[in-house]
Amino acid sequence: MAATTNIGWTPLFPRAAAIITDIGAPLSHAAIVARELGIPAVVGCGNATTRLKTGDWVIVDGGQGRVEIVNESQA
């Protein structure tokens, strides 16, 4: 999860289970790299970095553009 990404983030993408960004569109860096690597991504959420916390468990449905919190962190 990040506000946005740029080319410097590319080496980190293969380690990610999913990508969520506050800013972005279908042709943004995050969306394109995630698509190339087959990683689910939801970009342009607007407020993901303020709503999600480290340790939250989420389901990311890139096809529907949905992020669902399934277990909130107690930290």
N, C-alpha and C. Protein backbone atom coordinates (compact mmCIF):
# COMPACT_ATOMS: atom_id res chain seq x y z
N MET A 1 0.84 -1.16 0.00
CA MET A 1 0.00 0.00 0.00
C MET A 1 0.90 1.23 0.00
N ALA A 2 0.57 2.17 -0.84
CA ALA A 2 1.34 3.42 -0.93
C ALA A 2 0.44 4.49 -1.53
N ALA A 3 0.81 5.73 -1.29
CA ALA A 3 0.05 6.83 -1.90
C ALA A 3 0.14 6.74 -3.42
N THR A 4 1.34 6.50 -3.92
CA THR A 4 1.59 6.33 -5.34
C THR A 4 2.91 5.58 -5.51
N THR A 5 3.23 5.16 -6.71
CA THR A 5 4.52 4.51 -6.96
C THR A 5 5.20 5.16 -8.15
N ASN A 6 6.47 4.84 -8.30
CA ASN A 6 7.23 5.27 -9.48
C ASN A 6 8.18 4.15 -9.85
N ILE A 7 9.03 4.37 -10.82
CA ILE A 7 9.91 3.31 -11.33
C ILE A 7 10.83 2.74 -10.24
N GLY A 8 11.16 3.52 -9.24
CA GLY A 8 12.01 3.05 -8.16
C GLY A 8 11.39 1.93 -7.33
N TRP A 9 10.09 1.79 -7.37
CA TRP A 9 9.38 0.75 -6.63
C TRP A 9 9.40 -0.60 -7.35
N THR A 10 9.73 -0.61 -8.62
CA THR A 10 9.62 -1.82 -9.44
C THR A 10 10.29 -3.05 -8.83
N PRO A 11 11.49 -2.97 -8.24
CA PRO A 11 12.10 -4.17 -7.67
C PRO A 11 11.32 -4.75 -6.49
N LEU A 12 10.46 -3.96 -5.86
CA LEU A 12 9.69 -4.43 -4.71
C LEU A 12 8.42 -5.17 -5.11
N PHE A 13 7.93 -4.93 -6.29
CA PHE A 13 6.64 -5.50 -6.71
C PHE A 13 6.60 -7.03 -6.66
N PRO A 14 7.64 -7.74 -7.10
CA PRO A 14 7.55 -9.21 -7.06
C PRO A 14 7.38 -9.79 -5.66
N ARG A 15 7.72 -9.04 -4.63
CA ARG A 15 7.54 -9.49 -3.25
C ARG A 15 6.12 -9.26 -2.74
N ALA A 16 5.34 -8.45 -3.43
CA ALA A 16 4.01 -8.06 -2.96
C ALA A 16 2.95 -9.09 -3.34
N ALA A 17 2.03 -9.32 -2.42
CA ALA A 17 0.88 -10.19 -2.70
C ALA A 17 -0.17 -9.42 -3.49
N ALA A 18 -0.20 -8.09 -3.29
CA ALA A 18 -1.15 -7.22 -3.99
C ALA A 18 -0.64 -5.79 -3.89
N ILE A 19 -1.19 -4.92 -4.74
CA ILE A 19 -0.82 -3.51 -4.77
C ILE A 19 -2.07 -2.68 -4.54
N ILE A 20 -1.98 -1.71 -3.62
CA ILE A 20 -3.08 -0.78 -3.36
C ILE A 20 -2.46 0.61 -3.31
N THR A 21 -3.00 1.54 -4.09
CA THR A 21 -2.50 2.92 -4.06
C THR A 21 -3.64 3.91 -3.90
N ASP A 22 -3.32 5.06 -3.31
CA ASP A 22 -4.29 6.14 -3.18
C ASP A 22 -4.52 6.83 -4.52
N ILE A 23 -3.43 7.01 -5.27
CA ILE A 23 -3.48 7.73 -6.54
C ILE A 23 -3.12 6.77 -7.66
N GLY A 24 -3.81 6.85 -8.76
CA GLY A 24 -3.48 6.00 -9.90
C GLY A 24 -4.67 5.80 -10.81
N ALA A 25 -4.39 5.21 -11.95
CA ALA A 25 -5.40 4.94 -12.97
C ALA A 25 -4.96 3.68 -13.72
N PRO A 26 -5.78 3.17 -14.63
CA PRO A 26 -5.41 1.94 -15.34
C PRO A 26 -4.07 1.99 -16.06
N LEU A 27 -3.60 3.16 -16.42
CA LEU A 27 -2.30 3.27 -17.11
C LEU A 27 -1.20 3.81 -16.20
N SER A 28 -1.43 3.81 -14.89
CA SER A 28 -0.40 4.28 -13.96
C SER A 28 0.68 3.22 -13.81
N HIS A 29 1.82 3.64 -13.29
CA HIS A 29 2.95 2.74 -13.10
C HIS A 29 2.55 1.50 -12.30
N ALA A 30 1.88 1.68 -11.17
CA ALA A 30 1.50 0.55 -10.32
C ALA A 30 0.61 -0.43 -11.07
N ALA A 31 -0.36 0.06 -11.80
CA ALA A 31 -1.28 -0.82 -12.52
C ALA A 31 -0.58 -1.60 -13.62
N ILE A 32 0.28 -0.94 -14.36
CA ILE A 32 0.98 -1.60 -15.47
C ILE A 32 1.93 -2.68 -14.97
N VAL A 33 2.75 -2.37 -13.97
CA VAL A 33 3.70 -3.35 -13.46
C VAL A 33 2.97 -4.51 -12.80
N ALA A 34 1.93 -4.23 -12.02
CA ALA A 34 1.15 -5.30 -11.38
C ALA A 34 0.54 -6.22 -12.45
N ARG A 35 0.02 -5.64 -13.50
CA ARG A 35 -0.58 -6.43 -14.58
C ARG A 35 0.47 -7.32 -15.24
N GLU A 36 1.66 -6.77 -15.49
CA GLU A 36 2.73 -7.55 -16.12
C GLU A 36 3.17 -8.72 -15.24
N LEU A 37 3.14 -8.52 -13.92
CA LEU A 37 3.58 -9.55 -12.98
C LEU A 37 2.45 -10.46 -12.50
N GLY A 38 1.22 -10.16 -12.89
CA GLY A 38 0.09 -10.97 -12.46
C GLY A 38 -0.28 -10.77 -11.00
N ILE A 39 -0.01 -9.57 -10.47
CA ILE A 39 -0.31 -9.24 -9.08
C ILE A 39 -1.63 -8.47 -9.05
N PRO A 40 -2.58 -8.85 -8.18
CA PRO A 40 -3.82 -8.06 -8.08
C PRO A 40 -3.50 -6.63 -7.64
N ALA A 41 -4.19 -5.67 -8.22
CA ALA A 41 -3.96 -4.27 -7.88
C ALA A 41 -5.26 -3.49 -7.91
N VAL A 42 -5.39 -2.58 -6.95
CA VAL A 42 -6.46 -1.59 -6.95
C VAL A 42 -5.77 -0.25 -6.77
N VAL A 43 -5.87 0.60 -7.79
CA VAL A 43 -5.20 1.90 -7.76
C VAL A 43 -6.25 3.01 -7.76
N GLY A 44 -5.86 4.16 -7.22
CA GLY A 44 -6.78 5.29 -7.19
C GLY A 44 -7.83 5.17 -6.10
N CYS A 45 -7.49 4.53 -4.99
CA CYS A 45 -8.45 4.35 -3.88
C CYS A 45 -8.78 5.66 -3.17
N GLY A 46 -7.87 6.59 -3.20
CA GLY A 46 -8.12 7.88 -2.57
C GLY A 46 -7.69 7.96 -1.12
N ASN A 47 -8.04 6.95 -0.31
CA ASN A 47 -7.75 7.05 1.12
C ASN A 47 -7.24 5.74 1.73
N ALA A 48 -6.69 4.85 0.95
CA ALA A 48 -6.22 3.56 1.46
C ALA A 48 -5.14 3.73 2.53
N THR A 49 -4.23 4.68 2.35
CA THR A 49 -3.13 4.84 3.30
C THR A 49 -3.61 5.37 4.64
N THR A 50 -4.77 5.98 4.70
CA THR A 50 -5.30 6.44 5.98
C THR A 50 -6.23 5.40 6.61
N ARG A 51 -6.87 4.57 5.81
CA ARG A 51 -7.80 3.57 6.33
C ARG A 51 -7.15 2.26 6.72
N LEU A 52 -6.10 1.85 5.99
CA LEU A 52 -5.44 0.58 6.27
C LEU A 52 -4.24 0.79 7.18
N LYS A 53 -4.02 -0.17 8.08
CA LYS A 53 -2.90 -0.10 9.00
C LYS A 53 -2.00 -1.31 8.80
N THR A 54 -0.73 -1.18 9.17
CA THR A 54 0.18 -2.31 9.13
C THR A 54 -0.41 -3.44 9.94
N GLY A 55 -0.43 -4.62 9.36
CA GLY A 55 -0.97 -5.79 10.05
C GLY A 55 -2.39 -6.13 9.67
N ASP A 56 -3.10 -5.20 9.00
CA ASP A 56 -4.46 -5.50 8.53
C ASP A 56 -4.40 -6.61 7.49
N TRP A 57 -5.36 -7.52 7.53
CA TRP A 57 -5.51 -8.55 6.50
C TRP A 57 -6.60 -8.06 5.56
N VAL A 58 -6.29 -8.07 4.26
CA VAL A 58 -7.25 -7.59 3.27
C VAL A 58 -7.39 -8.58 2.12
N ILE A 59 -8.52 -8.50 1.45
CA ILE A 59 -8.73 -9.21 0.19
C ILE A 59 -8.74 -8.15 -0.90
N VAL A 60 -7.89 -8.34 -1.90
CA VAL A 60 -7.78 -7.37 -3.00
C VAL A 60 -8.33 -8.03 -4.26
N ASP A 61 -9.40 -7.45 -4.80
CA ASP A 61 -10.02 -7.93 -6.03
C ASP A 61 -9.74 -6.89 -7.11
N GLY A 62 -8.65 -7.10 -7.84
CA GLY A 62 -8.26 -6.14 -8.88
C GLY A 62 -9.26 -6.06 -10.01
N GLY A 63 -9.93 -7.16 -10.32
CA GLY A 63 -10.91 -7.16 -11.40
C GLY A 63 -12.13 -6.30 -11.11
N GLN A 64 -12.53 -6.26 -9.85
CA GLN A 64 -13.69 -5.47 -9.44
C GLN A 64 -13.29 -4.13 -8.82
N GLY A 65 -11.98 -3.94 -8.58
CA GLY A 65 -11.53 -2.69 -7.97
C GLY A 65 -11.94 -2.56 -6.51
N ARG A 66 -11.91 -3.69 -5.78
CA ARG A 66 -12.36 -3.70 -4.39
C ARG A 66 -11.27 -4.15 -3.44
N VAL A 67 -11.23 -3.51 -2.28
CA VAL A 67 -10.34 -3.90 -1.18
C VAL A 67 -11.23 -4.10 0.04
N GLU A 68 -11.19 -5.29 0.61
CA GLU A 68 -12.02 -5.61 1.77
C GLU A 68 -11.12 -5.93 2.96
N ILE A 69 -11.33 -5.24 4.06
CA ILE A 69 -10.59 -5.54 5.28
C ILE A 69 -11.26 -6.74 5.94
N VAL A 70 -10.51 -7.84 6.14
CA VAL A 70 -11.10 -9.04 6.73
C VAL A 70 -10.69 -9.20 8.19
N ASN A 71 -9.59 -8.57 8.59
CA ASN A 71 -9.16 -8.65 9.98
C ASN A 71 -8.30 -7.44 10.27
N GLU A 72 -8.82 -6.53 11.11
CA GLU A 72 -8.06 -5.32 11.44
C GLU A 72 -7.00 -5.60 12.49
N SER A 73 -5.83 -5.00 12.30
CA SER A 73 -4.72 -5.13 13.24
C SER A 73 -5.09 -4.48 14.56
N GLN A 74 -4.63 -5.06 15.63
CA GLN A 74 -4.86 -4.48 16.95
C GLN A 74 -3.70 -3.58 17.38
N ALA A 75 -2.72 -3.43 16.51
CA ALA A 75 -1.54 -2.60 16.84
C ALA A 75 -1.87 -1.13 16.81
